[in-house]
Each structure stands twice: as structure tokens, then as C-alpha cells.
Amino acid sequence: MNHPLINIAVQAARAAGRVIVRYANRLDGVSVVEKQRHDFVSEVDRVAEAEIVKVIRRAHPEHAILAEEGGDIPGKRGNPVQWIVDPLDGTTNFLRGFPHFAVSIGILEHGRPRHGVIYDPSREELFVATHGGGAFLNDRRIRVNEARGLQGALLATGFPFRERALLDSYLAMFQALFRDAADVRRAGSAALDLAYVASGRVDGFWEFGLKPWDMAAGAVLVREAGGVVTDFGGGEDFLNRGDIACGPIKLHREMIAGLRPHLIEAGLANT
């Protein structure tokens, strides 16, 4: 895929990936801070993010950047492009040597996700997508599975580890979807979960309590792979609300129907 913004995003993701791989061989010496309960940031996150920001700013100093660790970096007033950066999605996995984590770089234009790159350095898998251009894994075109519905579907999800008071609401949602699904996976990286939906490795994904950098790139991938991406209410506000459900159209419809009765107790009905 040869799009100027994608090319920069790939350069940035690979630069961060090199940082991550370098640190992976000396995890005992990595400094870690608990940002909030059960939510960690390491020096790897910060160094990898700095590499990403450096690549972006060198190519496009006029663009805004929203990065997980560094916060909001303003661009030139009136410029419609914003980069959404997660330098290491799956930090807890990485720190324990569990090989399921990724770099995620999404690009918004006028507030809408238009380009995305997710890079898994441990497997050297590069997922890329751009609006109207399709989705690819290492230059091979990918598509969502055409699951007919929840019956027999393999789903992915994430627990509300930051907001454990919402666990009962989450479990009710889990039960509603798991009743008919074949099985559910919880691997610890929302970015890779979305990439796996796009590539057909899992059929659908849902989670709440997420941040824009968890979803921006993956949402583009799923849509360009033929899937549907919405918030739990079926709308387009997932980046702001923090809840997301995605999959092929028939499966997505059934997922939303299963989630909807539990929105009020999860505090999502009117947000």
C-alpha cells in the first residue's frame, strides 16, 4: 500500500518495534510505574513513543498527535489531521514475556479514522489499512470472516481491568454473547484483537473502558476488511465513549442486540 501517511506510519511503527524488541531481551532492568491501579507504563512505552513522535514530527510538524503517554501535542491551527498513538498496546503482556503486544498508530482526518497501522514486532506482522484502499497483512489483502451470526462464532474481548466496579455489567454482557458463541478469547491487546477481526482470526470483538489509541487504527482495519465497527449503541461515537463492537454485519447485529439490554447498568446508555 503506497499512501504517504501510511508510509510514515509504517516507518514510525517499525522504529518503535525495534525499541520494543531491544528491551524484550532485558526485561529485568526495565523500570515500571503504575499509572493507576492495574494499569502500568514502562520506560519501553516512553522510549517507543518518543521514536514514533520523532518520525511523525519530522515528516509532518503541522499535524496534531494524541499519544497515550505524552498526551495531546497540538498541530497547526486548522489542519484536519491527528495521529493517535499507542506505542505498546499490551504492556502487561510485554513485561511478563507474554508475546502478545503491538504498536498501534491511527490517523484521523476531520475527527474520523482514515488510516491505521498495527505492528506486532514479535511476529513481524504488519497490519495496514487506508480509507477506500482495503486492509492488508504483510502486503496480503485480508477480509473479515463472513460469520452468519453468534452461533459458532469465535469472539475476542477484554475485561474492564481499570474499572472493576463494572465487572458485573461486563459479565452480564459476556454471558449474553457467550451463550451462543463457540468460544471467547481474552489475550490482552485491543489493537491486536481488532487486527485479528480484520484478518479473520477471530470473528468479532467487543470491549468497553477503552481509549482512542486502543481503537483508532484497528477500527480502520476492520472497516476496510469488510466489517462493521460501532459503539455498543450502534453509533459512530466509539472513540469518545470507549466502547466498541465489531465484526461482519450479521454477527455485529446480533452482538449489539445482546449488549443493548446491559447498557444502562454499565453506564453506557446515555454517554
Protein backbone atom coordinates (compact mmCIF):
# COMPACT_ATOMS: atom_id res chain seq x y z
CA MET A 1 0.00 0.00 0.00
CA ASN A 2 1.53 3.28 -1.12
CA HIS A 3 -0.13 6.17 0.71
CA PRO A 4 2.10 8.98 2.03
CA LEU A 5 0.62 8.95 5.55
CA ILE A 6 0.67 5.15 5.72
CA ASN A 7 4.32 5.15 4.68
CA ILE A 8 5.21 7.48 7.57
CA ALA A 9 3.07 5.45 9.99
CA VAL A 10 4.86 2.25 8.96
CA GLN A 11 8.26 3.89 9.47
CA ALA A 12 7.18 5.08 12.91
CA ALA A 13 5.73 1.70 13.90
CA ARG A 14 8.85 -0.16 12.84
CA ALA A 15 11.06 2.30 14.73
CA ALA A 16 9.00 1.66 17.87
CA GLY A 17 9.11 -2.06 17.21
CA ARG A 18 12.90 -2.02 17.19
CA VAL A 19 12.86 -0.36 20.61
CA ILE A 20 10.45 -2.96 21.96
CA VAL A 21 12.49 -5.90 20.65
CA ARG A 22 15.69 -4.43 22.08
CA TYR A 23 14.15 -4.15 25.55
CA ALA A 24 12.49 -7.58 25.35
CA ASN A 25 15.82 -9.27 25.94
CA ARG A 26 16.42 -7.44 29.25
CA LEU A 27 13.06 -7.17 30.96
CA ASP A 28 14.55 -7.44 34.45
CA GLY A 29 16.08 -3.99 34.07
CA VAL A 30 13.01 -2.20 32.75
CA SER A 31 11.62 0.50 35.06
CA VAL A 32 7.83 0.37 35.53
CA VAL A 33 5.34 2.83 37.06
CA GLU A 34 1.72 2.08 37.96
CA LYS A 35 -0.29 4.93 36.36
CA GLN A 36 -3.41 3.79 38.16
CA ARG A 37 -4.44 0.53 39.72
CA HIS A 38 -3.64 -2.40 37.39
CA ASP A 39 -2.50 -0.01 34.62
CA PHE A 40 1.25 0.16 34.03
CA VAL A 41 3.66 2.22 31.95
CA SER A 42 7.27 1.28 31.38
CA GLU A 43 10.30 3.10 30.05
CA VAL A 44 9.78 0.99 26.91
CA ASP A 45 6.42 2.69 26.30
CA ARG A 46 8.01 6.11 26.66
CA VAL A 47 11.08 5.43 24.50
CA ALA A 48 9.00 3.75 21.79
CA GLU A 49 6.52 6.63 21.81
CA ALA A 50 9.34 9.15 21.50
CA GLU A 51 10.56 7.34 18.39
CA ILE A 52 7.08 7.44 16.86
CA VAL A 53 6.60 11.14 17.61
CA LYS A 54 10.02 11.95 16.19
CA VAL A 55 9.21 10.26 12.88
CA ILE A 56 5.81 11.94 12.62
CA ARG A 57 7.04 15.42 13.57
CA ARG A 58 9.94 15.21 11.14
CA ALA A 59 7.57 14.44 8.26
CA HIS A 60 4.51 16.44 9.36
CA PRO A 61 5.18 19.09 12.02
CA GLU A 62 1.81 20.65 11.14
CA HIS A 63 -0.15 17.58 12.32
CA ALA A 64 -1.57 17.08 15.82
CA ILE A 65 -0.70 13.96 17.83
CA LEU A 66 -2.59 12.30 20.66
CA ALA A 67 -0.25 9.82 22.34
CA GLU A 68 -1.02 7.54 25.27
CA GLU A 69 1.93 8.60 27.38
CA GLY A 70 2.71 12.09 26.09
CA GLY A 71 -0.80 13.41 25.79
CA ASP A 72 -2.05 15.92 23.24
CA ILE A 73 0.53 17.58 21.00
CA PRO A 74 -1.14 20.39 19.03
CA GLY A 75 -0.63 20.84 15.32
CA LYS A 76 -1.05 23.82 13.05
CA ARG A 77 -4.38 25.51 13.64
CA GLY A 78 -6.95 24.39 11.09
CA ASN A 79 -5.05 21.30 9.98
CA PRO A 80 -7.51 18.36 9.93
CA VAL A 81 -5.03 15.53 10.62
CA GLN A 82 -4.45 13.97 14.04
CA TRP A 83 -2.28 10.94 14.78
CA ILE A 84 -3.48 8.62 17.56
CA VAL A 85 -0.56 6.68 19.06
CA ASP A 86 -0.25 3.70 21.37
CA PRO A 87 3.45 2.80 21.44
CA LEU A 88 2.92 -0.53 23.21
CA ASP A 89 -0.59 -1.92 23.49
CA GLY A 90 -0.34 -4.86 25.86
CA THR A 91 2.30 -3.51 28.25
CA THR A 92 1.45 -6.05 30.96
CA ASN A 93 1.90 -8.89 28.46
CA PHE A 94 5.24 -7.45 27.35
CA LEU A 95 6.56 -7.03 30.89
CA ARG A 96 5.79 -10.68 31.66
CA GLY A 97 7.26 -12.01 28.44
CA PHE A 98 3.82 -12.96 27.09
CA PRO A 99 4.30 -12.43 23.34
CA HIS A 100 1.07 -10.61 22.52
CA PHE A 101 1.51 -6.85 22.17
CA ALA A 102 1.68 -4.31 19.38
CA VAL A 103 2.35 -0.78 18.23
CA SER A 104 -0.84 0.99 17.14
CA ILE A 105 -0.93 4.18 15.05
CA GLY A 106 -4.23 5.55 13.80
CA ILE A 107 -4.69 8.69 11.71
CA LEU A 108 -7.83 10.82 11.90
CA GLU A 109 -8.93 13.34 9.31
CA HIS A 110 -11.58 15.79 10.47
CA GLY A 111 -12.06 13.59 13.54
CA ARG A 112 -12.76 10.38 11.62
CA PRO A 113 -10.42 7.35 11.48
CA ARG A 114 -9.00 7.14 7.98
CA HIS A 115 -5.68 5.25 8.17
CA GLY A 116 -4.28 2.65 10.53
CA VAL A 117 -1.12 0.65 11.19
CA ILE A 118 -0.77 -2.08 13.80
CA TYR A 119 2.62 -3.74 14.11
CA ASP A 120 3.37 -6.89 16.09
CA PRO A 121 7.19 -6.91 16.36
CA SER A 122 7.39 -10.33 17.99
CA ARG A 123 5.76 -11.97 14.93
CA GLU A 124 6.86 -9.32 12.41
CA GLU A 125 3.25 -8.88 11.34
CA LEU A 126 2.31 -5.51 9.87
CA PHE A 127 -1.40 -4.71 9.51
CA VAL A 128 -2.19 -1.63 7.41
CA ALA A 129 -5.36 -0.03 6.08
CA THR A 130 -6.43 3.23 4.49
CA HIS A 131 -9.91 4.55 3.78
CA GLY A 132 -11.10 3.13 0.47
CA GLY A 133 -7.89 1.18 -0.08
CA GLY A 134 -8.54 -2.10 1.72
CA ALA A 135 -6.74 -3.81 4.60
CA PHE A 136 -3.52 -5.79 4.39
CA LEU A 137 -1.30 -8.06 6.47
CA ASN A 138 2.31 -8.03 5.24
CA ASP A 139 1.08 -6.97 1.76
CA ARG A 140 -1.57 -9.70 1.62
CA ARG A 141 -5.16 -8.49 1.43
CA ILE A 142 -7.30 -9.53 4.40
CA ARG A 143 -11.03 -9.83 4.99
CA VAL A 144 -13.28 -10.44 7.96
CA ASN A 145 -14.89 -13.85 8.23
CA GLU A 146 -18.44 -13.99 6.91
CA ALA A 147 -19.86 -15.33 10.16
CA ARG A 148 -23.61 -15.78 9.88
CA GLY A 149 -24.24 -14.79 13.49
CA LEU A 150 -23.25 -15.59 17.04
CA GLN A 151 -23.88 -19.30 16.59
CA GLY A 152 -20.46 -20.89 16.26
CA ALA A 153 -18.55 -17.59 16.26
CA LEU A 154 -15.14 -17.15 17.88
CA LEU A 155 -15.12 -13.80 19.71
CA ALA A 156 -12.46 -11.70 21.39
CA THR A 157 -12.93 -9.35 24.32
CA GLY A 158 -11.19 -7.53 27.15
CA PHE A 159 -12.05 -7.23 30.82
CA PRO A 160 -12.68 -3.81 32.45
CA PHE A 161 -9.43 -4.07 34.42
CA ARG A 162 -9.26 -0.33 35.16
CA GLU A 163 -12.88 -0.12 36.38
CA ARG A 164 -13.58 -3.33 38.26
CA ALA A 165 -16.80 -1.93 39.70
CA LEU A 166 -18.21 -2.57 36.21
CA LEU A 167 -17.32 -6.25 36.30
CA ASP A 168 -20.89 -7.40 36.97
CA SER A 169 -22.14 -5.46 33.93
CA TYR A 170 -19.35 -6.90 31.83
CA LEU A 171 -20.10 -10.45 32.96
CA ALA A 172 -23.76 -9.99 32.02
CA MET A 173 -22.64 -8.96 28.54
CA PHE A 174 -20.22 -11.86 28.39
CA GLN A 175 -22.98 -14.31 29.28
CA ALA A 176 -25.32 -12.83 26.68
CA LEU A 177 -22.80 -13.35 23.88
CA PHE A 178 -21.07 -16.50 25.11
CA ARG A 179 -24.36 -18.38 25.30
CA ASP A 180 -24.40 -18.87 21.52
CA ALA A 181 -20.77 -18.28 20.53
CA ALA A 182 -18.34 -21.13 20.00
CA ASP A 183 -15.78 -19.56 22.36
CA VAL A 184 -14.23 -16.30 23.55
CA ARG A 185 -10.59 -15.23 23.71
CA ARG A 186 -9.09 -12.61 26.04
CA ALA A 187 -5.44 -12.01 25.10
CA GLY A 188 -4.75 -8.52 26.46
CA SER A 189 -4.30 -6.22 23.45
CA ALA A 190 -7.35 -4.49 21.99
CA ALA A 191 -5.31 -3.32 18.99
CA LEU A 192 -4.38 -6.88 18.06
CA ASP A 193 -7.93 -8.09 18.77
CA LEU A 194 -9.18 -5.61 16.16
CA ALA A 195 -6.44 -6.63 13.73
CA TYR A 196 -7.41 -10.27 14.25
CA VAL A 197 -11.04 -9.50 13.43
CA ALA A 198 -9.88 -7.78 10.24
CA SER A 199 -7.77 -10.80 9.28
CA GLY A 200 -10.42 -13.40 10.13
CA ARG A 201 -8.54 -14.97 13.03
CA VAL A 202 -11.49 -14.17 15.28
CA ASP A 203 -14.98 -13.31 14.11
CA GLY A 204 -15.92 -10.40 16.38
CA PHE A 205 -14.71 -8.24 19.25
CA TRP A 206 -16.29 -6.15 21.99
CA GLU A 207 -14.92 -4.19 24.94
CA PHE A 208 -15.65 -1.08 26.98
CA GLY A 209 -13.45 1.27 29.01
CA LEU A 210 -11.06 1.77 26.10
CA LYS A 211 -9.18 4.87 24.96
CA PRO A 212 -8.93 6.31 21.43
CA TRP A 213 -5.40 4.94 20.96
CA ASP A 214 -6.70 1.41 21.64
CA MET A 215 -9.21 1.62 18.79
CA ALA A 216 -8.36 4.20 16.12
CA ALA A 217 -6.07 2.10 13.92
CA GLY A 218 -7.97 -1.15 14.39
CA ALA A 219 -11.31 0.43 13.50
CA VAL A 220 -9.95 1.38 10.07
CA LEU A 221 -8.58 -2.13 9.59
CA VAL A 222 -11.90 -3.82 10.38
CA ARG A 223 -13.93 -1.48 8.17
CA GLU A 224 -11.55 -1.80 5.25
CA ALA A 225 -11.65 -5.58 5.69
CA GLY A 226 -15.42 -5.52 5.22
CA GLY A 227 -16.57 -5.41 8.84
CA VAL A 228 -18.84 -3.12 10.83
CA VAL A 229 -17.49 -1.02 13.73
CA THR A 230 -19.74 0.86 16.17
CA ASP A 231 -20.18 1.74 19.80
CA PHE A 232 -22.46 -0.52 21.85
CA GLY A 233 -25.46 1.58 20.88
CA GLY A 234 -24.79 1.00 17.18
CA GLY A 235 -23.50 4.55 16.64
CA GLU A 236 -20.25 6.09 15.46
CA ASP A 237 -19.02 7.56 18.76
CA PHE A 238 -16.79 4.70 19.92
CA LEU A 239 -13.62 6.82 20.13
CA ASN A 240 -15.27 9.17 22.64
CA ARG A 241 -17.43 6.64 24.50
CA GLY A 242 -14.74 3.99 24.82
CA ASP A 243 -17.00 1.06 23.96
CA ILE A 244 -16.65 -0.81 20.69
CA ALA A 245 -18.22 -3.80 18.96
CA CYS A 246 -17.18 -5.06 15.56
CA GLY A 247 -17.44 -7.94 13.14
CA PRO A 248 -19.14 -8.93 9.90
CA ILE A 249 -22.55 -7.35 9.50
CA LYS A 250 -24.80 -10.25 10.58
CA LEU A 251 -22.65 -11.10 13.59
CA HIS A 252 -22.36 -7.44 14.57
CA ARG A 253 -26.14 -7.09 14.50
CA GLU A 254 -26.54 -9.99 16.93
CA MET A 255 -23.74 -8.73 19.17
CA ILE A 256 -25.39 -5.32 19.51
CA ALA A 257 -28.73 -6.97 20.28
CA GLY A 258 -27.07 -8.99 23.05
CA LEU A 259 -25.22 -6.00 24.51
CA ARG A 260 -28.05 -3.44 24.39
CA PRO A 261 -30.04 -4.71 27.43
CA HIS A 262 -26.98 -4.16 29.65
CA LEU A 263 -26.04 -0.61 28.62
CA ILE A 264 -27.82 1.12 31.49
CA GLU A 265 -26.15 -0.86 34.27
CA ALA A 266 -22.78 -0.34 32.58
CA GLY A 267 -23.40 3.42 32.48
CA LEU A 268 -23.26 3.47 28.67
CA ALA A 269 -26.86 4.15 27.70
CA ASN A 270 -26.67 7.94 27.57
CA THR A 271 -22.98 8.62 27.11
